[in-house]
Amino acid sequence: MRMADDIARIADRRKKVKACPICGKPSAERYRPFCSARCADVDLNRWLGGVYAIPGREDEEPSAGEDGEDGA
């Protein structure tokens, strides 16, 4: 019986619907991970508007001669 309980728990985990990252409502299969086209569009707008950003290192100033010019 223990194996049947484990299988039931696994099936329950799969049935759990994650929340929409924008509004918190249950996500819809069609728009996963969002609940609607509206929330998907809000997320896309945030990406395109620069709200989400991946931090990176600042580029160093190129030293003389590295930019391909002779300097003459």
C-alpha atoms as a PDB file:
ATOM      1  CA  MET A   1       0.000   0.000   0.000  1.00  0.00           C
ATOM      2  CA  ARG A   2       2.891   2.367   0.595  1.00  0.00           C
ATOM      3  CA  MET A   3       3.704   2.433  -3.126  1.00  0.00           C
ATOM      4  CA  ALA A   4       0.116   3.376  -3.940  1.00  0.00           C
ATOM      5  CA  ASP A   5       0.340   6.273  -1.474  1.00  0.00           C
ATOM      6  CA  ASP A   6       3.546   7.495  -3.124  1.00  0.00           C
ATOM      7  CA  ILE A   7       1.941   7.334  -6.561  1.00  0.00           C
ATOM      8  CA  ALA A   8      -1.074   9.276  -5.300  1.00  0.00           C
ATOM      9  CA  ARG A   9       1.181  11.990  -3.847  1.00  0.00           C
ATOM     10  CA  ILE A  10       3.075  12.311  -7.126  1.00  0.00           C
ATOM     11  CA  ALA A  11      -0.205  12.609  -9.041  1.00  0.00           C
ATOM     12  CA  ASP A  12      -1.398  15.300  -6.612  1.00  0.00           C
ATOM     13  CA  ARG A  13       1.772  17.321  -7.166  1.00  0.00           C
ATOM     14  CA  ARG A  14       1.232  17.236 -10.909  1.00  0.00           C
ATOM     15  CA  LYS A  15      -2.338  18.451 -10.506  1.00  0.00           C
ATOM     16  CA  LYS A  16      -1.288  21.497  -8.489  1.00  0.00           C
ATOM     17  CA  VAL A  17      -1.542  24.603 -10.575  1.00  0.00           C
ATOM     18  CA  LYS A  18       1.115  27.217  -9.993  1.00  0.00           C
ATOM     19  CA  ALA A  19       0.181  30.816  -9.499  1.00  0.00           C
ATOM     20  CA  CYS A  20       0.522  33.388 -12.252  1.00  0.00           C
ATOM     21  CA  PRO A  21       3.709  35.394 -11.600  1.00  0.00           C
ATOM     22  CA  ILE A  22       1.922  38.655 -12.480  1.00  0.00           C
ATOM     23  CA  CYS A  23      -1.379  38.544 -10.586  1.00  0.00           C
ATOM     24  CA  GLY A  24      -1.206  35.389  -8.460  1.00  0.00           C
ATOM     25  CA  LYS A  25      -4.285  33.682  -9.928  1.00  0.00           C
ATOM     26  CA  PRO A  26      -3.986  30.011 -10.949  1.00  0.00           C
ATOM     27  CA  SER A  27      -2.174  29.655 -14.270  1.00  0.00           C
ATOM     28  CA  ALA A  28      -4.022  28.456 -17.356  1.00  0.00           C
ATOM     29  CA  GLU A  29      -2.657  25.652 -19.534  1.00  0.00           C
ATOM     30  CA  ARG A  30      -2.974  27.778 -22.676  1.00  0.00           C
ATOM     31  CA  TYR A  31      -0.980  30.719 -21.257  1.00  0.00           C
ATOM     32  CA  ARG A  32       1.350  28.866 -18.886  1.00  0.00           C
ATOM     33  CA  PRO A  33       2.915  30.164 -16.663  1.00  0.00           C
ATOM     34  CA  PHE A  34       0.398  33.018 -16.826  1.00  0.00           C
ATOM     35  CA  CYS A  35      -3.346  32.963 -16.222  1.00  0.00           C
ATOM     36  CA  SER A  36      -4.340  34.958 -19.308  1.00  0.00           C
ATOM     37  CA  ALA A  37      -3.107  36.693 -22.432  1.00  0.00           C
ATOM     38  CA  ARG A  38      -3.289  39.984 -20.525  1.00  0.00           C
ATOM     39  CA  CYS A  39      -0.768  38.833 -17.897  1.00  0.00           C
ATOM     40  CA  ALA A  40       1.492  37.416 -20.621  1.00  0.00           C
ATOM     41  CA  ASP A  41       1.377  40.795 -22.375  1.00  0.00           C
ATOM     42  CA  VAL A  42       2.131  42.633 -19.113  1.00  0.00           C
ATOM     43  CA  ASP A  43       5.202  40.439 -18.652  1.00  0.00           C
ATOM     44  CA  LEU A  44       6.345  41.011 -22.246  1.00  0.00           C
ATOM     45  CA  ASN A  45       5.929  44.764 -21.798  1.00  0.00           C
ATOM     46  CA  ARG A  46       8.062  44.637 -18.660  1.00  0.00           C
ATOM     47  CA  TRP A  47      10.835  42.829 -20.556  1.00  0.00           C
ATOM     48  CA  LEU A  48      10.675  45.206 -23.515  1.00  0.00           C
ATOM     49  CA  GLY A  49      10.529  48.253 -21.236  1.00  0.00           C
ATOM     50  CA  GLY A  50      13.672  47.230 -19.369  1.00  0.00           C
ATOM     51  CA  VAL A  51      11.961  46.608 -16.032  1.00  0.00           C
ATOM     52  CA  TYR A  52      13.610  43.196 -15.848  1.00  0.00           C
ATOM     53  CA  ALA A  53      17.377  43.349 -16.144  1.00  0.00           C
ATOM     54  CA  ILE A  54      20.176  40.867 -15.776  1.00  0.00           C
ATOM     55  CA  PRO A  55      23.056  42.451 -13.874  1.00  0.00           C
ATOM     56  CA  GLY A  56      26.411  42.413 -15.575  1.00  0.00           C
ATOM     57  CA  ARG A  57      29.872  43.855 -15.297  1.00  0.00           C
ATOM     58  CA  GLU A  58      30.668  47.268 -16.661  1.00  0.00           C
ATOM     59  CA  ASP A  59      32.977  47.205 -19.676  1.00  0.00           C
ATOM     60  CA  GLU A  60      36.451  48.508 -19.071  1.00  0.00           C
ATOM     61  CA  GLU A  61      37.762  51.417 -21.122  1.00  0.00           C
ATOM     62  CA  PRO A  62      39.853  50.064 -24.016  1.00  0.00           C
ATOM     63  CA  SER A  63      43.506  50.975 -23.689  1.00  0.00           C
ATOM     64  CA  ALA A  64      45.363  52.690 -26.523  1.00  0.00           C
ATOM     65  CA  GLY A  65      45.842  50.423 -29.537  1.00  0.00           C
ATOM     66  CA  GLU A  66      43.127  47.917 -28.615  1.00  0.00           C
ATOM     67  CA  ASP A  67      40.476  49.591 -30.764  1.00  0.00           C
ATOM     68  CA  GLY A  68      42.353  48.782 -33.985  1.00  0.00           C
ATOM     69  CA  GLU A  69      43.659  52.296 -34.598  1.00  0.00           C
ATOM     70  CA  ASP A  70      47.350  53.063 -34.860  1.00  0.00           C
ATOM     71  CA  GLY A  71      47.090  56.154 -32.708  1.00  0.00           C
ATOM     72  CA  ALA A  72      48.992  58.203 -35.260  1.00  0.00           C
END
